[in-house]
């Protein structure tokens, strides 16, 4: 019977009703102590970094440097990692890298770097290649294809 449903005994706690007379135990100042900012309505300053009106720490420190908002972040992959994950003649693209679990971030463009050795011919499709990676893949008999990213 849905009209008979109740929470188990001890699960539902009554809310504390403050400011209802001295005999309640929560009268007069209603548990807020005496005077001051926190005793006032709206007096709670829960802002991160609020230090009671003192100049906050993050504003006392000088500003240094800047963040380039046009910076391009790449998912980096080394040639040596490709050699261990793929067999001879495979086509390596974004979908295959995700399937093999070699990419941490699927949204970022992929950059192939030249660390490690590769002995098998692969067709590698990526957004950008280092000169060393390009030469190592081609020396192993593979092909390098840059993928055009549509913004």
Protein backbone atom coordinates (compact mmCIF):
# COMPACT_ATOMS: atom_id res chain seq x y z
CA UNK A 1 0.00 0.00 0.00
CA UNK A 2 1.69 3.18 -1.17
CA UNK A 3 -0.17 5.36 1.33
CA UNK A 4 1.31 3.35 4.20
CA UNK A 5 4.98 3.74 3.18
CA UNK A 6 7.26 5.22 5.86
CA UNK A 7 11.02 5.48 6.28
CA UNK A 8 12.50 2.95 8.74
CA UNK A 9 12.66 3.97 12.38
CA UNK A 10 15.55 6.40 13.02
CA UNK A 11 16.12 7.18 9.31
CA UNK A 12 14.12 10.43 9.18
CA UNK A 13 15.41 13.18 11.44
CA UNK A 14 13.30 16.22 12.38
CA UNK A 15 14.77 19.54 11.33
CA UNK A 16 16.04 21.85 14.07
CA UNK A 17 13.60 24.74 14.63
CA UNK A 18 15.65 27.60 16.04
CA UNK A 19 14.50 30.92 17.49
CA UNK A 20 11.32 29.49 19.08
CA UNK A 21 11.78 30.67 22.66
CA UNK A 22 14.31 30.20 25.48
CA UNK A 23 12.85 26.93 26.75
CA UNK A 24 13.53 25.22 23.41
CA UNK A 25 17.26 25.51 24.02
CA UNK A 26 17.67 27.28 20.67
CA UNK A 27 16.05 30.63 21.50
CA UNK A 28 17.47 34.16 21.75
CA UNK A 29 20.53 34.02 19.44
CA UNK A 30 19.35 30.77 17.80
CA UNK A 31 22.73 29.03 18.11
CA UNK A 32 24.60 31.81 16.29
CA UNK A 33 26.51 33.16 19.29
CA UNK A 34 26.65 36.88 19.98
CA UNK A 35 26.81 39.61 17.33
CA UNK A 36 29.33 39.74 14.52
CA UNK A 37 29.14 39.06 10.80
CA UNK A 38 28.08 35.43 11.09
CA UNK A 39 25.19 36.26 13.42
CA UNK A 40 23.56 38.48 10.78
CA UNK A 41 21.21 37.32 8.06
CA UNK A 42 23.16 36.78 4.87
CA UNK A 43 26.37 37.12 6.86
CA UNK A 44 27.88 33.84 5.78
CA UNK A 45 30.78 34.41 3.38
CA UNK A 46 31.33 31.05 1.76
CA UNK A 47 33.43 32.46 -1.04
CA UNK A 48 36.62 30.55 -1.74
CA UNK A 49 39.56 32.66 -0.65
CA UNK A 50 37.54 34.99 1.60
CA UNK A 51 39.73 35.97 4.56
CA UNK A 52 37.40 38.08 6.66
CA UNK A 53 37.98 41.27 4.72
CA UNK A 54 41.78 40.94 4.75
CA UNK A 55 43.28 41.15 1.26
CA UNK A 56 43.04 37.52 0.02
CA UNK A 57 46.25 35.59 -0.56
CA UNK A 58 45.74 35.18 -4.31
CA UNK A 59 45.40 38.97 -4.65
CA UNK A 60 48.50 39.69 -2.54
CA UNK A 61 50.70 37.69 -4.93
CA UNK A 62 52.01 39.36 -8.09
CA UNK A 63 50.74 38.26 -11.47
CA UNK A 64 53.30 36.43 -13.57
CA UNK A 65 53.33 35.10 -17.11
CA UNK A 66 50.34 34.42 -19.30
CA UNK A 67 48.35 31.55 -20.79
CA UNK A 68 48.29 31.31 -24.55
CA UNK A 69 44.63 30.74 -25.43
CA UNK A 70 45.54 29.65 -28.96
CA UNK A 71 47.87 26.84 -27.84
CA UNK A 72 47.22 23.53 -29.57
CA UNK A 73 47.34 20.47 -27.31
CA UNK A 74 48.24 17.18 -29.00
CA UNK A 75 47.90 13.55 -27.97
CA UNK A 76 51.48 12.35 -28.30
CA UNK A 77 52.42 8.91 -29.55
CA UNK A 78 55.88 7.50 -30.27
CA UNK A 79 56.93 5.39 -33.25
CA UNK A 80 58.08 2.64 -30.90
CA UNK A 81 54.57 2.34 -29.50
CA UNK A 82 53.14 1.82 -32.99
CA UNK A 83 55.57 -1.00 -33.75
CA UNK A 84 54.48 -3.02 -30.72
CA UNK A 85 50.74 -2.59 -31.26
CA UNK A 86 50.32 -3.17 -35.00
CA UNK A 87 51.37 -5.83 -37.46
CA UNK A 88 52.99 -5.41 -40.87
CA UNK A 89 50.92 -3.59 -43.52
CA UNK A 90 48.28 -2.22 -41.11
CA UNK A 91 46.69 1.20 -41.54
CA UNK A 92 47.02 3.22 -38.35
CA UNK A 93 44.39 5.94 -37.88
CA UNK A 94 42.54 7.60 -35.00
CA UNK A 95 39.91 4.85 -34.76
CA UNK A 96 42.53 2.09 -34.61
CA UNK A 97 44.57 3.96 -31.97
CA UNK A 98 41.48 4.32 -29.79
CA UNK A 99 40.56 0.66 -30.33
CA UNK A 100 44.07 -0.49 -29.27
CA UNK A 101 43.98 1.85 -26.23
CA UNK A 102 47.00 3.93 -27.27
CA UNK A 103 45.24 7.32 -26.99
CA UNK A 104 44.42 8.90 -23.64
CA UNK A 105 42.38 11.81 -25.01
CA UNK A 106 40.23 11.09 -28.08
CA UNK A 107 39.35 14.75 -28.75
CA UNK A 108 42.89 16.05 -29.20
CA UNK A 109 44.70 15.86 -32.53
CA UNK A 110 47.43 13.19 -32.73
CA UNK A 111 51.14 13.92 -33.06
CA UNK A 112 53.58 11.12 -33.86
CA UNK A 113 57.10 11.51 -32.43
CA UNK A 114 60.29 9.65 -33.35
CA UNK A 115 61.25 7.92 -30.09
CA UNK A 116 61.79 4.17 -30.44
CA UNK A 117 62.36 1.97 -33.48
CA UNK A 118 60.02 0.61 -36.13
CA UNK A 119 60.89 -2.29 -38.44
CA UNK A 120 57.47 -3.04 -40.00
CA UNK A 121 55.82 -1.12 -42.84
CA UNK A 122 52.71 0.79 -41.67
CA UNK A 123 50.45 3.38 -43.23
CA UNK A 124 50.14 6.01 -40.49
CA UNK A 125 47.44 8.68 -40.63
CA UNK A 126 47.82 11.45 -38.04
CA UNK A 127 47.44 15.20 -37.68
CA UNK A 128 51.15 16.01 -37.44
CA UNK A 129 54.50 14.16 -37.52
CA UNK A 130 57.96 15.05 -36.29
CA UNK A 131 60.67 14.92 -38.98
CA UNK A 132 62.37 11.99 -37.20
CA UNK A 133 59.12 10.00 -36.97
CA UNK A 134 58.39 10.60 -40.66
CA UNK A 135 61.85 9.40 -41.72
CA UNK A 136 61.70 6.28 -39.48
CA UNK A 137 58.28 5.21 -40.79
CA UNK A 138 59.33 5.73 -44.41
CA UNK A 139 62.68 3.96 -43.84
CA UNK A 140 60.75 0.90 -42.61
CA UNK A 141 58.78 0.89 -45.89
CA UNK A 142 55.66 2.57 -44.55
CA UNK A 143 53.66 5.63 -45.59
CA UNK A 144 52.87 8.85 -43.76
CA UNK A 145 49.57 10.69 -44.35
CA UNK A 146 48.59 13.93 -42.64
CA UNK A 147 44.90 14.22 -41.82
CA UNK A 148 43.23 17.58 -42.37
CA UNK A 149 41.37 18.64 -39.24
CA UNK A 150 38.12 20.50 -39.86
CA UNK A 151 37.56 23.05 -37.07
